[in-house]
Protein backbone atom coordinates (compact mmCIF):
# COMPACT_ATOMS: atom_id res chain seq x y z
CA UNK A 1 -90.19 -41.37 77.54
CA UNK A 2 -93.88 -41.89 76.66
CA UNK A 3 -93.94 -45.22 78.45
CA UNK A 4 -92.69 -43.63 81.66
CA UNK A 5 -94.74 -40.44 81.79
CA UNK A 6 -98.55 -40.58 82.01
CA UNK A 7 -99.10 -36.85 81.36
CA UNK A 8 -96.89 -36.74 78.29
CA UNK A 9 -98.42 -39.94 76.96
CA UNK A 10 -101.97 -38.60 77.35
CA UNK A 11 -101.15 -35.31 75.62
CA UNK A 12 -99.33 -36.86 72.68
CA UNK A 13 -101.85 -39.64 72.16
CA UNK A 14 -104.69 -37.08 72.05
CA UNK A 15 -102.84 -35.20 69.33
CA UNK A 16 -102.03 -38.41 67.47
CA UNK A 17 -105.69 -39.45 67.43
CA UNK A 18 -106.72 -36.14 65.86
CA UNK A 19 -103.83 -36.22 63.40
CA UNK A 20 -104.79 -39.56 61.90
CA UNK A 21 -108.28 -38.33 61.08
CA UNK A 22 -107.33 -36.49 57.90
CA UNK A 23 -104.71 -35.80 55.22
CA UNK A 24 -100.94 -36.05 55.10
CA UNK A 25 -100.30 -32.37 55.88
CA UNK A 26 -102.62 -32.58 58.89
CA UNK A 27 -100.53 -35.49 60.17
CA UNK A 28 -97.38 -33.41 59.66
CA UNK A 29 -98.91 -30.45 61.51
CA UNK A 30 -99.87 -32.57 64.50
CA UNK A 31 -96.45 -34.18 64.50
CA UNK A 32 -95.09 -30.67 65.03
CA UNK A 33 -97.59 -30.16 67.85
CA UNK A 34 -96.50 -33.41 69.50
CA UNK A 35 -92.86 -32.35 69.34
CA UNK A 36 -93.77 -29.01 70.92
CA UNK A 37 -95.65 -30.76 73.71
CA UNK A 38 -92.58 -32.85 74.42
CA UNK A 39 -90.23 -29.83 74.43
CA UNK A 40 -92.41 -27.97 76.92
CA UNK A 41 -92.95 -31.11 78.99
CA UNK A 42 -89.19 -31.67 79.20
CA UNK A 43 -88.70 -28.13 80.46
CA UNK A 44 -91.47 -28.48 83.05
CA UNK A 45 -90.09 -31.78 84.33
CA UNK A 46 -86.56 -30.46 84.86
CA UNK A 47 -84.61 -31.75 81.89
CA UNK A 48 -83.10 -28.30 81.34
CA UNK A 49 -82.60 -27.28 84.97
CA UNK A 50 -78.84 -27.55 84.51
CA UNK A 51 -78.83 -26.35 80.92
CA UNK A 52 -80.47 -22.95 81.03
CA UNK A 53 -79.28 -22.06 77.54
CA UNK A 54 -81.46 -24.86 76.15
CA UNK A 55 -84.35 -23.76 78.38
CA UNK A 56 -84.20 -20.24 76.92
CA UNK A 57 -83.79 -21.62 73.39
CA UNK A 58 -86.90 -23.74 73.90
CA UNK A 59 -88.77 -20.70 75.14
CA UNK A 60 -87.68 -18.73 72.09
CA UNK A 61 -88.97 -21.44 69.79
CA UNK A 62 -92.34 -21.53 71.56
CA UNK A 63 -92.53 -17.73 71.32
CA UNK A 64 -91.79 -17.78 67.58
CA UNK A 65 -94.35 -20.51 66.95
CA UNK A 66 -96.94 -18.60 68.94
CA UNK A 67 -96.36 -15.48 66.86
CA UNK A 68 -96.54 -17.49 63.64
CA UNK A 69 -99.86 -18.94 64.75
CA UNK A 70 -101.24 -15.42 65.31
CA UNK A 71 -100.06 -14.39 61.84
CA UNK A 72 -101.56 -17.53 60.31
CA UNK A 73 -104.92 -16.88 61.97
CA UNK A 74 -104.96 -13.38 60.52
CA UNK A 75 -104.14 -14.79 57.08
CA UNK A 76 -106.92 -17.38 57.31
CA UNK A 77 -109.46 -14.58 57.79
CA UNK A 78 -108.49 -13.16 54.38
CA UNK A 79 -109.00 -16.45 52.53
CA UNK A 80 -112.05 -18.39 51.45
CA UNK A 81 -112.41 -22.18 51.32
CA UNK A 82 -109.01 -22.98 52.81
CA UNK A 83 -108.02 -25.49 55.47
CA UNK A 84 -106.59 -23.34 58.25
CA UNK A 85 -104.09 -26.07 59.15
CA UNK A 86 -102.60 -25.80 55.65
CA UNK A 87 -102.02 -22.09 56.32
CA UNK A 88 -100.46 -22.72 59.75
CA UNK A 89 -98.25 -25.46 58.33
CA UNK A 90 -97.19 -23.27 55.39
CA UNK A 91 -95.80 -20.61 57.73
CA UNK A 92 -94.09 -23.16 59.97
CA UNK A 93 -92.62 -25.18 57.12
CA UNK A 94 -91.34 -22.34 54.95
CA UNK A 95 -89.90 -20.39 57.90
CA UNK A 96 -88.38 -23.44 59.58
CA UNK A 97 -84.79 -22.46 58.79
CA UNK A 98 -85.04 -18.64 59.01
CA UNK A 99 -86.65 -18.91 62.46
CA UNK A 100 -84.73 -21.95 63.74
CA UNK A 101 -87.83 -24.06 64.35
CA UNK A 102 -86.33 -27.37 65.44
CA UNK A 103 -89.71 -29.05 65.98
CA UNK A 104 -90.81 -28.44 62.39
CA UNK A 105 -90.16 -30.97 59.63
CA UNK A 106 -89.07 -30.08 56.11
CA UNK A 107 -92.03 -31.78 54.44
CA UNK A 108 -95.28 -30.21 53.27
CA UNK A 109 -97.28 -31.71 50.44
CA UNK A 110 -99.90 -29.09 49.58
CA UNK A 111 -98.23 -25.71 50.07
CA UNK A 112 -99.71 -24.53 46.78
CA UNK A 113 -103.26 -24.62 48.14
CA UNK A 114 -102.45 -22.77 51.36
CA UNK A 115 -102.85 -19.30 49.87
CA UNK A 116 -99.62 -18.17 51.56
CA UNK A 117 -97.35 -16.14 49.27
CA UNK A 118 -93.63 -15.42 49.30
CA UNK A 119 -94.48 -11.86 50.33
CA UNK A 120 -96.55 -13.21 53.25
CA UNK A 121 -93.58 -15.28 54.39
CA UNK A 122 -91.12 -12.37 54.24
CA UNK A 123 -93.52 -10.20 56.21
CA UNK A 124 -94.10 -12.93 58.79
CA UNK A 125 -90.36 -13.45 59.27
CA UNK A 126 -89.85 -9.72 59.88
CA UNK A 127 -92.77 -9.57 62.30
CA UNK A 128 -91.61 -12.55 64.36
CA UNK A 129 -88.03 -11.29 64.62
CA UNK A 130 -89.17 -7.78 65.59
CA UNK A 131 -91.58 -9.17 68.18
CA UNK A 132 -88.92 -11.40 69.69
CA UNK A 133 -86.54 -8.49 70.03
CA UNK A 134 -89.06 -6.30 71.83
CA UNK A 135 -91.32 -8.75 73.66
CA UNK A 136 -89.49 -11.95 74.53
CA UNK A 137 -88.07 -10.89 77.90
CA UNK A 138 -91.57 -10.07 79.14
CA UNK A 139 -93.11 -13.16 77.53
CA UNK A 140 -90.72 -15.60 79.19
CA UNK A 141 -91.58 -14.14 82.61
CA UNK A 142 -95.06 -15.62 82.17
CA UNK A 143 -93.95 -18.96 80.69
CA UNK A 144 -95.13 -21.84 82.85
CA UNK A 145 -92.09 -24.10 82.28
CA UNK A 146 -89.79 -21.30 83.46
CA UNK A 147 -91.83 -21.01 86.66
CA UNK A 148 -91.39 -24.76 87.19
CA UNK A 149 -87.61 -24.44 86.81
CA UNK A 150 -87.45 -21.47 89.17
CA UNK A 151 -89.54 -23.29 91.77
CA UNK A 152 -86.97 -26.09 91.79
CA UNK A 153 -83.85 -23.91 91.69
CA UNK A 154 -84.97 -21.08 94.00
CA UNK A 155 -87.95 -22.45 95.95
CA UNK A 156 -87.78 -20.02 98.88
CA UNK A 157 -87.79 -16.91 96.69
CA UNK A 158 -90.58 -18.20 94.47
CA UNK A 159 -92.72 -19.37 97.40
CA UNK A 160 -92.35 -15.96 99.02
CA UNK A 161 -93.52 -14.31 95.82
CA UNK A 162 -96.47 -16.73 95.57
CA UNK A 163 -97.53 -15.89 99.12
CA UNK A 164 -97.21 -12.18 98.39
CA UNK A 165 -99.31 -12.64 95.26
CA UNK A 166 -102.13 -14.10 97.32
CA UNK A 167 -101.96 -11.37 99.96
CA UNK A 168 -101.81 -8.70 97.23
CA UNK A 169 -104.93 -10.17 95.67
CA UNK A 170 -106.83 -10.20 98.95
CA UNK A 171 -105.78 -6.65 99.83
CA UNK A 172 -106.67 -5.27 96.39
CA UNK A 173 -110.00 -7.09 96.37
CA UNK A 174 -110.92 -5.62 99.78
CA UNK A 175 -109.93 -2.14 98.64
CA UNK A 176 -111.99 -2.37 95.45
CA UNK A 177 -114.94 -3.81 97.34
CA UNK A 178 -114.82 -0.98 99.91
CA UNK A 179 -114.42 1.79 97.32
CA UNK A 180 -116.40 0.55 94.30
CA UNK A 181 -119.00 -1.92 95.55
CA UNK A 182 -120.04 -1.00 99.09
CA UNK A 183 -120.87 2.68 98.38
CA UNK A 184 -123.26 1.62 95.62
CA UNK A 185 -124.87 -1.34 97.35
CA UNK A 186 -123.18 -3.87 95.07
CA UNK A 187 -121.69 -6.17 97.71
CA UNK A 188 -123.11 -9.59 96.91
CA UNK A 189 -123.68 -8.73 93.25
CA UNK A 190 -122.10 -11.65 91.43
CA UNK A 191 -121.17 -9.77 88.25
CA UNK A 192 -119.69 -6.82 90.12
CA UNK A 193 -117.69 -9.07 92.43
CA UNK A 194 -116.44 -11.10 89.46
CA UNK A 195 -115.28 -7.90 87.78
CA UNK A 196 -113.29 -6.59 90.72
CA UNK A 197 -111.97 -10.11 91.35
CA UNK A 198 -110.51 -10.20 87.84
CA UNK A 199 -108.97 -6.75 88.34
CA UNK A 200 -107.47 -7.76 91.68
CA UNK A 201 -106.07 -10.95 90.17
CA UNK A 202 -104.50 -9.05 87.28
CA UNK A 203 -102.93 -6.54 89.67
CA UNK A 204 -101.53 -9.32 91.87
CA UNK A 205 -100.19 -11.18 88.84
CA UNK A 206 -98.39 -8.07 87.60
CA UNK A 207 -96.81 -7.56 91.02
CA UNK A 208 -95.76 -11.24 91.06
CA UNK A 209 -94.09 -10.96 87.66
CA UNK A 210 -92.39 -7.71 88.67
CA UNK A 211 -91.01 -9.52 91.71
CA UNK A 212 -89.93 -12.45 89.57
CA UNK A 213 -87.99 -10.27 87.13
CA UNK A 214 -84.83 -9.80 89.26
CA UNK A 215 -84.63 -13.56 89.86
CA UNK A 216 -85.00 -14.26 86.14
CA UNK A 217 -82.40 -11.63 85.29
CA UNK A 218 -79.98 -13.15 87.81
CA UNK A 219 -80.48 -16.68 86.55
CA UNK A 220 -81.04 -16.20 82.82
CA UNK A 221 -79.61 -12.75 82.13
CA UNK A 222 -76.63 -13.87 80.07
CA UNK A 223 -78.76 -16.30 78.04
CA UNK A 224 -81.41 -13.67 77.36
CA UNK A 225 -78.77 -11.23 76.13
CA UNK A 226 -77.02 -13.86 74.02
CA UNK A 227 -79.92 -14.00 71.61
CA UNK A 228 -79.55 -16.75 69.07
CA UNK A 229 -78.76 -15.20 65.72
CA UNK A 230 -81.48 -15.70 63.14
CA UNK A 231 -80.25 -15.53 59.57
């Protein structure tokens, strides 16, 4: 697959170059990253268009890994003189089975120096499972690979929502400019215009995702409800 896909090859080679610069666990960590890149790339390129269960399963794994990374970052801040990649790898490696992390290998050489305890791992597992239960349906709405699948399977509906997003942005920007900039002589003020631009973009994005939700529920509803059981 690398030989046939320039984008995938560039992404994985960049990771491989960084991985070979240090120790064995660093290589293992970047191997995980390369596998994740390939999973997401496969989803974006349409490999799961006719296997939506696998698409959702891939999304769940990316969600879990993202949550673990947040937890690992918080742990790193409590430690001194530790390689943060050892901490990230410790969470991934030790929770590989409980969280169904298919991209994670079973090997880790220096877990003992990571500073991650059994109590940390139990807490992380509970946090990830609780977050998935309450947040995943909203998270997947924003997942880029899902948007790519929807654009291929329901192009007219998605294009209509994209066009509405742009018009919503323009309308909200004009309204904010008329009500919050013009009365105070701030039209043309770069910082003020950047601020209302960000607000208008956020409002338009929210409306886009709200419009996308019924389509996602129609297409993925049964797979989102049939949550993979985590032991």
